[in-house]
Amino acid sequence: MVNDDWQRCVAFHGHVCPGLAIGYKAVQIALGELATGDSPRHRSSATPTDGAGNVFGAGAGCAAPG
């Protein structure tokens, strides 16, 4: 079964590409390392990769066709 977060990221990004997969996994690792608990105050409605482009300098968009 495919993760709902992954499906939302694909829908947001518009297609599956290597950059999306790498960014998704990197954000999962970072969130795991930075986790401070399960407090609702630390939750966000944003998908895990919404800000990954800005963090990793990919603000110009995806280079993959499609």
N, C-alpha and C. Protein backbone atom coordinates (compact mmCIF):
# COMPACT_ATOMS: atom_id res chain seq x y z
N MET A 1 0.85 -1.19 0.00
CA MET A 1 0.00 0.00 0.00
C MET A 1 0.89 1.25 0.00
N VAL A 2 0.55 2.20 -0.81
CA VAL A 2 1.33 3.43 -0.93
C VAL A 2 0.92 4.42 0.16
N ASN A 3 1.90 5.06 0.75
CA ASN A 3 1.68 6.04 1.82
C ASN A 3 0.85 7.22 1.32
N ASP A 4 -0.12 7.65 2.15
CA ASP A 4 -0.97 8.80 1.79
C ASP A 4 -0.15 10.08 1.62
N ASP A 5 0.89 10.26 2.45
CA ASP A 5 1.74 11.45 2.32
C ASP A 5 2.42 11.47 0.95
N TRP A 6 2.89 10.32 0.50
CA TRP A 6 3.53 10.24 -0.82
C TRP A 6 2.54 10.62 -1.91
N GLN A 7 1.33 10.10 -1.84
CA GLN A 7 0.31 10.41 -2.84
C GLN A 7 0.00 11.91 -2.86
N ARG A 8 -0.08 12.54 -1.69
CA ARG A 8 -0.33 13.99 -1.63
C ARG A 8 0.84 14.76 -2.22
N CYS A 9 2.05 14.30 -1.98
CA CYS A 9 3.23 14.97 -2.54
C CYS A 9 3.24 14.88 -4.06
N VAL A 10 2.91 13.71 -4.58
CA VAL A 10 2.85 13.53 -6.04
C VAL A 10 1.78 14.45 -6.63
N ALA A 11 0.63 14.51 -5.98
CA ALA A 11 -0.45 15.38 -6.47
C ALA A 11 -0.02 16.84 -6.44
N PHE A 12 0.67 17.25 -5.39
CA PHE A 12 1.14 18.64 -5.26
C PHE A 12 2.19 18.96 -6.32
N HIS A 13 3.14 18.03 -6.52
CA HIS A 13 4.26 18.25 -7.44
C HIS A 13 3.83 18.09 -8.90
N GLY A 14 2.87 17.21 -9.13
CA GLY A 14 2.36 17.03 -10.48
C GLY A 14 2.79 15.77 -11.19
N HIS A 15 3.86 15.14 -10.73
CA HIS A 15 4.34 13.91 -11.34
C HIS A 15 5.38 13.28 -10.43
N VAL A 16 5.69 12.01 -10.70
CA VAL A 16 6.74 11.31 -9.95
C VAL A 16 8.06 11.50 -10.69
N CYS A 17 9.10 11.86 -9.97
CA CYS A 17 10.42 11.99 -10.56
C CYS A 17 11.47 11.69 -9.49
N PRO A 18 12.72 11.47 -9.88
CA PRO A 18 13.76 11.17 -8.89
C PRO A 18 13.92 12.28 -7.84
N GLY A 19 13.79 13.52 -8.24
CA GLY A 19 13.94 14.63 -7.30
C GLY A 19 12.87 14.61 -6.22
N LEU A 20 11.64 14.27 -6.61
CA LEU A 20 10.55 14.18 -5.64
C LEU A 20 10.82 13.05 -4.66
N ALA A 21 11.24 11.91 -5.15
CA ALA A 21 11.52 10.76 -4.29
C ALA A 21 12.65 11.07 -3.31
N ILE A 22 13.71 11.68 -3.80
CA ILE A 22 14.85 12.03 -2.93
C ILE A 22 14.43 13.06 -1.90
N GLY A 23 13.72 14.10 -2.34
CA GLY A 23 13.27 15.13 -1.41
C GLY A 23 12.32 14.59 -0.37
N TYR A 24 11.41 13.71 -0.77
CA TYR A 24 10.45 13.10 0.15
C TYR A 24 11.19 12.31 1.22
N LYS A 25 12.15 11.48 0.80
CA LYS A 25 12.91 10.66 1.75
C LYS A 25 13.76 11.53 2.65
N ALA A 26 14.39 12.57 2.11
CA ALA A 26 15.23 13.46 2.91
C ALA A 26 14.41 14.16 3.99
N VAL A 27 13.21 14.59 3.63
CA VAL A 27 12.35 15.27 4.60
C VAL A 27 11.86 14.28 5.66
N GLN A 28 11.57 13.04 5.27
CA GLN A 28 11.19 12.03 6.26
C GLN A 28 12.31 11.83 7.28
N ILE A 29 13.54 11.73 6.81
CA ILE A 29 14.68 11.55 7.71
C ILE A 29 14.84 12.76 8.61
N ALA A 30 14.76 13.95 8.02
CA ALA A 30 14.91 15.18 8.81
C ALA A 30 13.82 15.30 9.86
N LEU A 31 12.59 15.01 9.50
CA LEU A 31 11.49 15.08 10.47
C LEU A 31 11.70 14.08 11.60
N GLY A 32 12.23 12.91 11.27
CA GLY A 32 12.53 11.92 12.29
C GLY A 32 13.60 12.40 13.25
N GLU A 33 14.61 13.07 12.71
CA GLU A 33 15.70 13.58 13.54
C GLU A 33 15.27 14.78 14.38
N LEU A 34 14.35 15.57 13.87
CA LEU A 34 13.93 16.79 14.55
C LEU A 34 12.67 16.62 15.39
N ALA A 35 12.11 15.43 15.40
CA ALA A 35 10.85 15.19 16.11
C ALA A 35 10.99 15.59 17.58
N THR A 36 10.00 16.34 18.05
CA THR A 36 10.02 16.80 19.45
C THR A 36 8.84 16.24 20.21
N GLY A 37 8.12 15.32 19.64
CA GLY A 37 6.96 14.75 20.30
C GLY A 37 5.75 14.81 19.38
N ASP A 38 4.62 14.42 19.90
CA ASP A 38 3.41 14.37 19.10
C ASP A 38 2.44 15.47 19.52
N SER A 39 2.96 16.62 19.83
CA SER A 39 2.12 17.74 20.25
C SER A 39 1.41 18.34 19.04
N PRO A 40 0.09 18.59 19.14
CA PRO A 40 -0.63 19.21 18.01
C PRO A 40 -0.04 20.56 17.62
N ARG A 41 0.62 21.23 18.53
CA ARG A 41 1.21 22.53 18.24
C ARG A 41 2.36 22.41 17.24
N HIS A 42 2.95 21.22 17.12
CA HIS A 42 4.06 21.00 16.20
C HIS A 42 3.62 20.41 14.87
N ARG A 43 2.33 20.23 14.70
CA ARG A 43 1.83 19.64 13.46
C ARG A 43 1.55 20.72 12.43
N SER A 44 1.58 20.30 11.19
CA SER A 44 1.30 21.21 10.09
C SER A 44 0.41 20.50 9.09
N SER A 45 -0.39 21.26 8.37
CA SER A 45 -1.20 20.64 7.33
C SER A 45 -0.44 20.58 6.01
N ALA A 46 0.78 21.09 5.98
CA ALA A 46 1.59 21.06 4.77
C ALA A 46 2.11 19.65 4.53
N THR A 47 2.32 19.32 3.26
CA THR A 47 2.92 18.03 2.95
C THR A 47 4.42 18.11 3.24
N PRO A 48 5.06 16.97 3.47
CA PRO A 48 6.48 16.98 3.85
C PRO A 48 7.40 17.67 2.87
N THR A 49 7.06 17.72 1.60
CA THR A 49 7.97 18.32 0.63
C THR A 49 7.58 19.72 0.19
N ASP A 50 6.56 20.32 0.81
CA ASP A 50 6.16 21.67 0.42
C ASP A 50 7.33 22.66 0.47
N GLY A 51 8.15 22.59 1.49
CA GLY A 51 9.25 23.53 1.63
C GLY A 51 10.60 22.95 1.26
N ALA A 52 10.64 21.70 0.83
CA ALA A 52 11.92 21.06 0.55
C ALA A 52 12.67 21.75 -0.58
N GLY A 53 11.96 22.26 -1.57
CA GLY A 53 12.62 22.96 -2.69
C GLY A 53 13.37 24.18 -2.20
N ASN A 54 12.78 24.91 -1.27
CA ASN A 54 13.45 26.09 -0.73
C ASN A 54 14.65 25.69 0.12
N VAL A 55 14.51 24.63 0.90
CA VAL A 55 15.60 24.18 1.77
C VAL A 55 16.78 23.71 0.94
N PHE A 56 16.51 22.97 -0.13
CA PHE A 56 17.57 22.38 -0.92
C PHE A 56 17.95 23.20 -2.15
N GLY A 57 17.42 24.42 -2.26
CA GLY A 57 17.81 25.29 -3.35
C GLY A 57 17.19 24.94 -4.69
N ALA A 58 16.06 24.26 -4.67
CA ALA A 58 15.42 23.86 -5.93
C ALA A 58 14.17 24.69 -6.17
N GLY A 59 14.22 25.93 -5.78
CA GLY A 59 13.04 26.79 -5.89
C GLY A 59 12.60 27.06 -7.32
N ALA A 60 13.44 26.80 -8.30
CA ALA A 60 13.08 27.08 -9.68
C ALA A 60 12.13 26.05 -10.27
N GLY A 61 11.90 24.96 -9.55
CA GLY A 61 10.97 23.93 -10.03
C GLY A 61 11.69 22.69 -10.47
N CYS A 62 10.90 21.72 -10.84
CA CYS A 62 11.43 20.41 -11.23
C CYS A 62 12.00 20.48 -12.64
N ALA A 63 13.11 19.81 -12.84
CA ALA A 63 13.74 19.78 -14.16
C ALA A 63 13.27 18.59 -14.99
N ALA A 64 12.52 17.68 -14.36
CA ALA A 64 12.07 16.49 -15.07
C ALA A 64 10.91 16.84 -16.00
N PRO A 65 10.86 16.22 -17.16
CA PRO A 65 9.74 16.46 -18.06
C PRO A 65 8.45 15.86 -17.48
N GLY A 66 7.33 16.47 -17.80
CA GLY A 66 6.05 15.90 -17.38
C GLY A 66 5.42 16.77 -16.41
